[in-house]
PDB file of all heavy atoms in Angstrom:
ATOM      1  N   GLY A   1      10.154 -86.055 -30.625  1.00  0.00           N
ATOM      2  CA  GLY A   1       8.788 -86.551 -30.565  1.00  0.00           C
ATOM      3  C   GLY A   1       7.883 -85.794 -29.614  1.00  0.00           C
ATOM      4  O   GLY A   1       6.705 -86.149 -29.468  1.00  0.00           O
ATOM      5  N   ALA A   2       8.392 -84.745 -28.955  1.00  0.00           N
ATOM      6  CA  ALA A   2       7.558 -83.971 -28.028  1.00  0.00           C
ATOM      7  C   ALA A   2       6.465 -83.235 -28.796  1.00  0.00           C
ATOM      8  O   ALA A   2       6.701 -82.686 -29.878  1.00  0.00           O
ATOM      9  CB  ALA A   2       8.419 -82.972 -27.256  1.00  0.00           C
ATOM     10  N   GLN A   3       5.269 -83.220 -28.239  1.00  0.00           N
ATOM     11  CA  GLN A   3       4.117 -82.579 -28.882  1.00  0.00           C
ATOM     12  C   GLN A   3       3.783 -81.249 -28.194  1.00  0.00           C
ATOM     13  O   GLN A   3       4.041 -81.076 -27.007  1.00  0.00           O
ATOM     14  CB  GLN A   3       2.900 -83.501 -28.809  1.00  0.00           C
ATOM     15  CG  GLN A   3       3.075 -84.833 -29.507  1.00  0.00           C
ATOM     16  CD  GLN A   3       3.187 -84.701 -31.007  1.00  0.00           C
ATOM     17  OE1 GLN A   3       2.546 -83.840 -31.621  1.00  0.00           O
ATOM     18  NE2 GLN A   3       3.987 -85.564 -31.624  1.00  0.00           N
ATOM     19  N   MET A   4       3.215 -80.337 -28.965  1.00  0.00           N
ATOM     20  CA  MET A   4       2.754 -79.085 -28.382  1.00  0.00           C
ATOM     21  C   MET A   4       1.356 -79.291 -27.797  1.00  0.00           C
ATOM     22  O   MET A   4       0.451 -79.718 -28.520  1.00  0.00           O
ATOM     23  CB  MET A   4       2.697 -77.964 -29.431  1.00  0.00           C
ATOM     24  CG  MET A   4       2.346 -76.607 -28.809  1.00  0.00           C
ATOM     25  SD  MET A   4       1.817 -75.337 -30.031  1.00  0.00           S
ATOM     26  CE  MET A   4       3.247 -75.228 -31.076  1.00  0.00           C
ATOM     27  N   PRO A   5       1.160 -78.998 -26.500  1.00  0.00           N
ATOM     28  CA  PRO A   5      -0.183 -79.130 -25.909  1.00  0.00           C
ATOM     29  C   PRO A   5      -1.202 -78.272 -26.653  1.00  0.00           C
ATOM     30  O   PRO A   5      -0.894 -77.163 -27.107  1.00  0.00           O
ATOM     31  CB  PRO A   5       0.028 -78.621 -24.476  1.00  0.00           C
ATOM     32  CG  PRO A   5       1.473 -78.853 -24.199  1.00  0.00           C
ATOM     33  CD  PRO A   5       2.171 -78.627 -25.498  1.00  0.00           C
ATOM     34  N   GLY A   6      -2.421 -78.811 -26.782  1.00  0.00           N
ATOM     35  CA  GLY A   6      -3.452 -78.136 -27.571  1.00  0.00           C
ATOM     36  C   GLY A   6      -3.801 -76.750 -27.078  1.00  0.00           C
ATOM     37  O   GLY A   6      -4.026 -75.829 -27.882  1.00  0.00           O
ATOM     38  N   ASN A   7      -3.849 -76.562 -25.748  1.00  0.00           N
ATOM     39  CA  ASN A   7      -4.213 -75.239 -25.236  1.00  0.00           C
ATOM     40  C   ASN A   7      -3.139 -74.196 -25.539  1.00  0.00           C
ATOM     41  O   ASN A   7      -3.429 -73.013 -25.743  1.00  0.00           O
ATOM     42  CB  ASN A   7      -4.468 -75.297 -23.729  1.00  0.00           C
ATOM     43  CG  ASN A   7      -3.226 -75.694 -22.947  1.00  0.00           C
ATOM     44  OD1 ASN A   7      -2.508 -76.596 -23.357  1.00  0.00           O
ATOM     45  ND2 ASN A   7      -2.985 -75.033 -21.835  1.00  0.00           N
ATOM     46  N   ILE A   8      -1.862 -74.642 -25.610  1.00  0.00           N
ATOM     47  CA  ILE A   8      -0.789 -73.712 -25.970  1.00  0.00           C
ATOM     48  C   ILE A   8      -0.920 -73.320 -27.432  1.00  0.00           C
ATOM     49  O   ILE A   8      -0.752 -72.146 -27.797  1.00  0.00           O
ATOM     50  CB  ILE A   8       0.592 -74.342 -25.698  1.00  0.00           C
ATOM     51  CG1 ILE A   8       0.769 -74.592 -24.201  1.00  0.00           C
ATOM     52  CG2 ILE A   8       1.702 -73.453 -26.226  1.00  0.00           C
ATOM     53  CD1 ILE A   8       2.120 -75.166 -23.821  1.00  0.00           C
ATOM     54  N   ARG A   9      -1.231 -74.290 -28.297  1.00  0.00           N
ATOM     55  CA  ARG A   9      -1.411 -73.982 -29.723  1.00  0.00           C
ATOM     56  C   ARG A   9      -2.506 -72.939 -29.915  1.00  0.00           C
ATOM     57  O   ARG A   9      -2.356 -71.997 -30.694  1.00  0.00           O
ATOM     58  CB  ARG A   9      -1.744 -75.253 -30.500  1.00  0.00           C
ATOM     59  CG  ARG A   9      -1.897 -75.028 -32.007  1.00  0.00           C
ATOM     60  CD  ARG A   9      -2.330 -76.309 -32.710  1.00  0.00           C
ATOM     61  NE  ARG A   9      -1.362 -77.370 -32.505  1.00  0.00           N
ATOM     62  CZ  ARG A   9      -0.232 -77.472 -33.194  1.00  0.00           C
ATOM     63  NH1 ARG A   9       0.064 -76.572 -34.113  1.00  0.00           N
ATOM     64  NH2 ARG A   9       0.591 -78.471 -32.964  1.00  0.00           N
ATOM     65  N   SER A  10      -3.619 -73.100 -29.202  1.00  0.00           N
ATOM     66  CA  SER A  10      -4.724 -72.150 -29.330  1.00  0.00           C
ATOM     67  C   SER A  10      -4.294 -70.752 -28.892  1.00  0.00           C
ATOM     68  O   SER A  10      -4.600 -69.756 -29.562  1.00  0.00           O
ATOM     69  CB  SER A  10      -5.914 -72.608 -28.480  1.00  0.00           C
ATOM     70  OG  SER A  10      -6.343 -73.882 -28.884  1.00  0.00           O
ATOM     71  N   HIS A  11      -3.544 -70.690 -27.778  1.00  0.00           N
ATOM     72  CA  HIS A  11      -3.103 -69.388 -27.275  1.00  0.00           C
ATOM     73  C   HIS A  11      -2.122 -68.731 -28.249  1.00  0.00           C
ATOM     74  O   HIS A  11      -2.193 -67.513 -28.497  1.00  0.00           O
ATOM     75  CB  HIS A  11      -2.449 -69.574 -25.904  1.00  0.00           C
ATOM     76  CG  HIS A  11      -2.091 -68.281 -25.233  1.00  0.00           C
ATOM     77  ND1 HIS A  11      -3.040 -67.393 -24.770  1.00  0.00           N
ATOM     78  CD2 HIS A  11      -0.880 -67.712 -24.958  1.00  0.00           C
ATOM     79  CE1 HIS A  11      -2.435 -66.344 -24.237  1.00  0.00           C
ATOM     80  NE2 HIS A  11      -1.124 -66.524 -24.346  1.00  0.00           N
ATOM     81  N   LEU A  12      -1.195 -69.523 -28.820  1.00  0.00           N
ATOM     82  CA  LEU A  12      -0.216 -68.968 -29.762  1.00  0.00           C
ATOM     83  C   LEU A  12      -0.890 -68.523 -31.052  1.00  0.00           C
ATOM     84  O   LEU A  12      -0.480 -67.525 -31.667  1.00  0.00           O
ATOM     85  CB  LEU A  12       0.870 -70.000 -30.064  1.00  0.00           C
ATOM     86  CG  LEU A  12       1.756 -70.429 -28.889  1.00  0.00           C
ATOM     87  CD1 LEU A  12       2.886 -71.318 -29.381  1.00  0.00           C
ATOM     88  CD2 LEU A  12       2.320 -69.224 -28.155  1.00  0.00           C
ATOM     89  N   LEU A  13      -1.899 -69.256 -31.493  1.00  0.00           N
ATOM     90  CA  LEU A  13      -2.626 -68.880 -32.701  1.00  0.00           C
ATOM     91  C   LEU A  13      -3.320 -67.539 -32.504  1.00  0.00           C
ATOM     92  O   LEU A  13      -3.293 -66.672 -33.395  1.00  0.00           O
ATOM     93  CB  LEU A  13      -3.638 -69.960 -33.068  1.00  0.00           C
ATOM     94  CG  LEU A  13      -4.415 -69.752 -34.382  1.00  0.00           C
ATOM     95  CD1 LEU A  13      -3.466 -69.605 -35.563  1.00  0.00           C
ATOM     96  CD2 LEU A  13      -5.380 -70.909 -34.622  1.00  0.00           C
ATOM     97  N   GLU A  14      -3.926 -67.344 -31.341  1.00  0.00           N
ATOM     98  CA  GLU A  14      -4.554 -66.057 -31.041  1.00  0.00           C
ATOM     99  C   GLU A  14      -3.521 -64.931 -31.057  1.00  0.00           C
ATOM    100  O   GLU A  14      -3.775 -63.835 -31.578  1.00  0.00           O
ATOM    101  CB  GLU A  14      -5.227 -66.115 -29.667  1.00  0.00           C
ATOM    102  CG  GLU A  14      -6.459 -67.010 -29.611  1.00  0.00           C
ATOM    103  CD  GLU A  14      -7.007 -67.131 -28.196  1.00  0.00           C
ATOM    104  OE1 GLU A  14      -6.559 -66.355 -27.323  1.00  0.00           O
ATOM    105  OE2 GLU A  14      -7.868 -68.006 -27.960  1.00  0.00           O
ATOM    106  N   THR A  15      -2.356 -65.213 -30.487  1.00  0.00           N
ATOM    107  CA  THR A  15      -1.282 -64.214 -30.465  1.00  0.00           C
ATOM    108  C   THR A  15      -0.820 -63.874 -31.877  1.00  0.00           C
ATOM    109  O   THR A  15      -0.595 -62.698 -32.209  1.00  0.00           O
ATOM    110  CB  THR A  15      -0.084 -64.742 -29.644  1.00  0.00           C
ATOM    111  OG1 THR A  15      -0.528 -65.086 -28.331  1.00  0.00           O
ATOM    112  CG2 THR A  15       1.017 -63.705 -29.561  1.00  0.00           C
ATOM    113  N   ALA A  16      -0.675 -64.894 -32.722  1.00  0.00           N
ATOM    114  CA  ALA A  16      -0.238 -64.672 -34.101  1.00  0.00           C
ATOM    115  C   ALA A  16      -1.252 -63.832 -34.874  1.00  0.00           C
ATOM    116  O   ALA A  16      -0.872 -62.958 -35.671  1.00  0.00           O
ATOM    117  CB  ALA A  16      -0.016 -66.011 -34.810  1.00  0.00           C
ATOM    118  N   ILE A  17      -2.530 -64.085 -34.651  1.00  0.00           N
ATOM    119  CA  ILE A  17      -3.579 -63.303 -35.329  1.00  0.00           C
ATOM    120  C   ILE A  17      -3.497 -61.843 -34.906  1.00  0.00           C
ATOM    121  O   ILE A  17      -3.603 -60.918 -35.743  1.00  0.00           O
ATOM    122  CB  ILE A  17      -4.964 -63.894 -35.018  1.00  0.00           C
ATOM    123  CG1 ILE A  17      -5.116 -65.273 -35.670  1.00  0.00           C
ATOM    124  CG2 ILE A  17      -6.075 -62.958 -35.492  1.00  0.00           C
ATOM    125  CD1 ILE A  17      -6.358 -66.033 -35.250  1.00  0.00           C
ATOM    126  N   LYS A  18      -3.278 -61.612 -33.610  1.00  0.00           N
ATOM    127  CA  LYS A  18      -3.139 -60.233 -33.118  1.00  0.00           C
ATOM    128  C   LYS A  18      -1.910 -59.551 -33.723  1.00  0.00           C
ATOM    129  O   LYS A  18      -1.946 -58.361 -34.064  1.00  0.00           O
ATOM    130  CB  LYS A  18      -3.042 -60.224 -31.596  1.00  0.00           C
ATOM    131  CG  LYS A  18      -4.329 -60.603 -30.879  1.00  0.00           C
ATOM    132  CD  LYS A  18      -4.122 -60.652 -29.366  1.00  0.00           C
ATOM    133  CE  LYS A  18      -5.399 -61.087 -28.659  1.00  0.00           C
ATOM    134  NZ  LYS A  18      -5.201 -61.215 -27.188  1.00  0.00           N
ATOM    135  N   MET A  19      -0.829 -60.303 -33.870  1.00  0.00           N
ATOM    136  CA  MET A  19       0.395 -59.748 -34.459  1.00  0.00           C
ATOM    137  C   MET A  19       0.160 -59.336 -35.907  1.00  0.00           C
ATOM    138  O   MET A  19       0.629 -58.282 -36.357  1.00  0.00           O
ATOM    139  CB  MET A  19       1.527 -60.778 -34.387  1.00  0.00           C
ATOM    140  CG  MET A  19       2.072 -61.006 -32.986  1.00  0.00           C
ATOM    141  SD  MET A  19       3.152 -62.474 -32.872  1.00  0.00           S
ATOM    142  CE  MET A  19       4.413 -62.101 -34.081  1.00  0.00           C
ATOM    143  N   GLU A  20      -0.584 -60.159 -36.671  1.00  0.00           N
ATOM    144  CA  GLU A  20      -0.865 -59.832 -38.072  1.00  0.00           C
ATOM    145  C   GLU A  20      -1.769 -58.611 -38.186  1.00  0.00           C
ATOM    146  O   GLU A  20      -1.592 -57.767 -39.064  1.00  0.00           O
ATOM    147  CB  GLU A  20      -1.483 -61.042 -38.775  1.00  0.00           C
ATOM    148  CG  GLU A  20      -0.499 -62.171 -39.015  1.00  0.00           C
ATOM    149  CD  GLU A  20      -0.981 -63.149 -40.083  1.00  0.00           C
ATOM    150  OE1 GLU A  20      -1.756 -62.728 -40.966  1.00  0.00           O
ATOM    151  OE2 GLU A  20      -0.574 -64.321 -40.032  1.00  0.00           O
ATOM    152  N   GLU A  21      -2.756 -58.509 -37.279  1.00  0.00           N
ATOM    153  CA  GLU A  21      -3.640 -57.346 -37.304  1.00  0.00           C
ATOM    154  C   GLU A  21      -2.865 -56.069 -36.968  1.00  0.00           C
ATOM    155  O   GLU A  21      -3.100 -55.006 -37.556  1.00  0.00           O
ATOM    156  CB  GLU A  21      -4.780 -57.540 -36.300  1.00  0.00           C
ATOM    157  CG  GLU A  21      -5.778 -58.618 -36.718  1.00  0.00           C
ATOM    158  CD  GLU A  21      -6.803 -58.893 -35.631  1.00  0.00           C
ATOM    159  OE1 GLU A  21      -6.630 -58.372 -34.497  1.00  0.00           O
ATOM    160  OE2 GLU A  21      -7.759 -59.646 -35.895  1.00  0.00           O
ATOM    161  N   LYS A  22      -1.932 -56.193 -36.039  1.00  0.00           N
ATOM    162  CA  LYS A  22      -1.132 -55.044 -35.624  1.00  0.00           C
ATOM    163  C   LYS A  22      -0.187 -54.588 -36.729  1.00  0.00           C
ATOM    164  O   LYS A  22       0.182 -53.412 -36.792  1.00  0.00           O
ATOM    165  CB  LYS A  22      -0.335 -55.428 -34.372  1.00  0.00           C
ATOM    166  CG  LYS A  22       0.385 -54.263 -33.709  1.00  0.00           C
ATOM    167  CD  LYS A  22       1.094 -54.737 -32.447  1.00  0.00           C
ATOM    168  CE  LYS A  22       1.864 -53.602 -31.798  1.00  0.00           C
ATOM    169  NZ  LYS A  22       2.581 -54.051 -30.570  1.00  0.00           N
ATOM    170  N   ARG A  23       0.185 -55.505 -37.606  1.00  0.00           N
ATOM    171  CA  ARG A  23       1.129 -55.174 -38.670  1.00  0.00           C
ATOM    172  C   ARG A  23       0.564 -54.120 -39.615  1.00  0.00           C
ATOM    173  O   ARG A  23       1.286 -53.229 -40.067  1.00  0.00           O
ATOM    174  CB  ARG A  23       1.498 -56.451 -39.434  1.00  0.00           C
ATOM    175  CG  ARG A  23       2.567 -56.255 -40.483  1.00  0.00           C
ATOM    176  CD  ARG A  23       2.932 -57.555 -41.169  1.00  0.00           C
ATOM    177  NE  ARG A  23       3.672 -58.444 -40.276  1.00  0.00           N
ATOM    178  CZ  ARG A  23       3.256 -59.629 -39.887  1.00  0.00           C
ATOM    179  NH1 ARG A  23       2.080 -60.090 -40.284  1.00  0.00           N
ATOM    180  NH2 ARG A  23       3.983 -60.369 -39.091  1.00  0.00           N
ATOM    181  N   GLY A  24      -0.698 -54.204 -39.946  1.00  0.00           N
ATOM    182  CA  GLY A  24      -1.342 -53.210 -40.793  1.00  0.00           C
ATOM    183  C   GLY A  24      -0.904 -53.282 -42.244  1.00  0.00           C
ATOM    184  O   GLY A  24      -0.133 -54.156 -42.649  1.00  0.00           O
ATOM    185  N   MET A  25      -1.382 -52.319 -43.039  1.00  0.00           N
ATOM    186  CA  MET A  25      -1.093 -52.317 -44.475  1.00  0.00           C
ATOM    187  C   MET A  25       0.382 -52.020 -44.751  1.00  0.00           C
ATOM    188  O   MET A  25       0.970 -52.587 -45.674  1.00  0.00           O
ATOM    189  CB  MET A  25      -1.978 -51.287 -45.184  1.00  0.00           C
ATOM    190  CG  MET A  25      -3.463 -51.640 -45.167  1.00  0.00           C
ATOM    191  SD  MET A  25      -3.808 -53.312 -45.815  1.00  0.00           S
ATOM    192  CE  MET A  25      -3.328 -53.100 -47.520  1.00  0.00           C
ATOM    193  N   ARG A  26       0.974 -51.123 -43.954  1.00  0.00           N
ATOM    194  CA  ARG A  26       2.394 -50.823 -44.159  1.00  0.00           C
ATOM    195  C   ARG A  26       3.247 -52.061 -43.890  1.00  0.00           C
ATOM    196  O   ARG A  26       4.211 -52.330 -44.611  1.00  0.00           O
ATOM    197  CB  ARG A  26       2.836 -49.690 -43.236  1.00  0.00           C
ATOM    198  CG  ARG A  26       2.341 -48.313 -43.660  1.00  0.00           C
ATOM    199  CD  ARG A  26       3.070 -47.227 -42.900  1.00  0.00           C
ATOM    200  NE  ARG A  26       4.483 -47.193 -43.238  1.00  0.00           N
ATOM    201  CZ  ARG A  26       5.367 -46.394 -42.639  1.00  0.00           C
ATOM    202  NH1 ARG A  26       4.979 -45.595 -41.651  1.00  0.00           N
ATOM    203  NH2 ARG A  26       6.630 -46.401 -43.006  1.00  0.00           N
ATOM    204  N   GLY A  27       2.873 -52.813 -42.865  1.00  0.00           N
ATOM    205  CA  GLY A  27       3.607 -54.035 -42.568  1.00  0.00           C
ATOM    206  C   GLY A  27       3.475 -55.057 -43.678  1.00  0.00           C
ATOM    207  O   GLY A  27       4.459 -55.715 -44.044  1.00  0.00           O
ATOM    208  N   LYS A  28       2.249 -55.183 -44.228  1.00  0.00           N
ATOM    209  CA  LYS A  28       2.046 -56.118 -45.346  1.00  0.00           C
ATOM    210  C   LYS A  28       2.845 -55.689 -46.575  1.00  0.00           C
ATOM    211  O   LYS A  28       3.412 -56.523 -47.288  1.00  0.00           O
ATOM    212  CB  LYS A  28       0.563 -56.197 -45.687  1.00  0.00           C
ATOM    213  CG  LYS A  28      -0.279 -56.899 -44.617  1.00  0.00           C
ATOM    214  CD  LYS A  28      -1.751 -56.939 -44.998  1.00  0.00           C
ATOM    215  CE  LYS A  28      -2.587 -57.626 -43.917  1.00  0.00           C
ATOM    216  NZ  LYS A  28      -4.026 -57.640 -44.243  1.00  0.00           N
ATOM    217  N   ALA A  29       2.902 -54.369 -46.813  1.00  0.00           N
ATOM    218  CA  ALA A  29       3.680 -53.856 -47.950  1.00  0.00           C
ATOM    219  C   ALA A  29       5.162 -54.194 -47.778  1.00  0.00           C
ATOM    220  O   ALA A  29       5.847 -54.555 -48.744  1.00  0.00           O
ATOM    221  CB  ALA A  29       3.489 -52.347 -48.079  1.00  0.00           C
ATOM    222  N   LYS A  30       5.653 -54.100 -46.534  1.00  0.00           N
ATOM    223  CA  LYS A  30       7.049 -54.437 -46.271  1.00  0.00           C
ATOM    224  C   LYS A  30       7.325 -55.917 -46.541  1.00  0.00           C
ATOM    225  O   LYS A  30       8.366 -56.276 -47.105  1.00  0.00           O
ATOM    226  CB  LYS A  30       7.408 -54.100 -44.828  1.00  0.00           C
ATOM    227  CG  LYS A  30       7.550 -52.612 -44.554  1.00  0.00           C
ATOM    228  CD  LYS A  30       7.974 -52.364 -43.113  1.00  0.00           C
ATOM    229  CE  LYS A  30       8.156 -50.865 -42.849  1.00  0.00           C
ATOM    230  NZ  LYS A  30       8.596 -50.609 -41.458  1.00  0.00           N
ATOM    231  N   LEU A  31       6.384 -56.781 -46.159  1.00  0.00           N
ATOM    232  CA  LEU A  31       6.552 -58.218 -46.409  1.00  0.00           C
ATOM    233  C   LEU A  31       6.622 -58.513 -47.903  1.00  0.00           C
ATOM    234  O   LEU A  31       7.439 -59.329 -48.352  1.00  0.00           O
ATOM    235  CB  LEU A  31       5.406 -59.005 -45.772  1.00  0.00           C
ATOM    236  CG  LEU A  31       5.350 -59.067 -44.243  1.00  0.00           C
ATOM    237  CD1 LEU A  31       4.144 -59.893 -43.793  1.00  0.00           C
ATOM    238  CD2 LEU A  31       6.634 -59.673 -43.672  1.00  0.00           C
ATOM    239  N   ILE A  32       5.768 -57.842 -48.672  1.00  0.00           N
ATOM    240  CA  ILE A  32       5.757 -58.050 -50.128  1.00  0.00           C
ATOM    241  C   ILE A  32       7.086 -57.617 -50.735  1.00  0.00           C
ATOM    242  O   ILE A  32       7.675 -58.315 -51.571  1.00  0.00           O
ATOM    243  CB  ILE A  32       4.575 -57.290 -50.769  1.00  0.00           C
ATOM    244  CG1 ILE A  32       3.246 -57.912 -50.321  1.00  0.00           C
ATOM    245  CG2 ILE A  32       4.692 -57.303 -52.292  1.00  0.00           C
ATOM    246  CD1 ILE A  32       2.029 -57.105 -50.715  1.00  0.00           C
ATOM    247  N   VAL A  33       7.577 -56.454 -50.294  1.00  0.00           N
ATOM    248  CA  VAL A  33       8.862 -55.953 -50.797  1.00  0.00           C
ATOM    249  C   VAL A  33       9.982 -56.938 -50.457  1.00  0.00           C
ATOM    250  O   VAL A  33      10.833 -57.260 -51.306  1.00  0.00           O
ATOM    251  CB  VAL A  33       9.168 -54.556 -50.208  1.00  0.00           C
ATOM    252  CG1 VAL A  33      10.622 -54.167 -50.473  1.00  0.00           C
ATOM    253  CG2 VAL A  33       8.239 -53.510 -50.805  1.00  0.00           C
ATOM    254  N   GLN A  34      10.002 -57.440 -49.222  1.00  0.00           N
ATOM    255  CA  GLN A  34      11.047 -58.380 -48.819  1.00  0.00           C
ATOM    256  C   GLN A  34      10.981 -59.670 -49.619  1.00  0.00           C
ATOM    257  O   GLN A  34      12.023 -60.238 -49.986  1.00  0.00           O
ATOM    258  CB  GLN A  34      10.923 -58.665 -47.319  1.00  0.00           C
ATOM    259  CG  GLN A  34      11.280 -57.475 -46.445  1.00  0.00           C
ATOM    260  CD  GLN A  34      11.006 -57.723 -44.979  1.00  0.00           C
ATOM    261  OE1 GLN A  34      11.024 -58.854 -44.514  1.00  0.00           O
ATOM    262  NE2 GLN A  34      10.741 -56.659 -44.237  1.00  0.00           N
TER     263      GLN A  34
END
């Protein structure tokens, strides 16, 4: 029943967006292949 604090969720979401941007087109192509 433990909840994730809202400020942590916001920080992790920003991190995830940066990770997706860093992946680039080659990274997206790899995901599609997998």
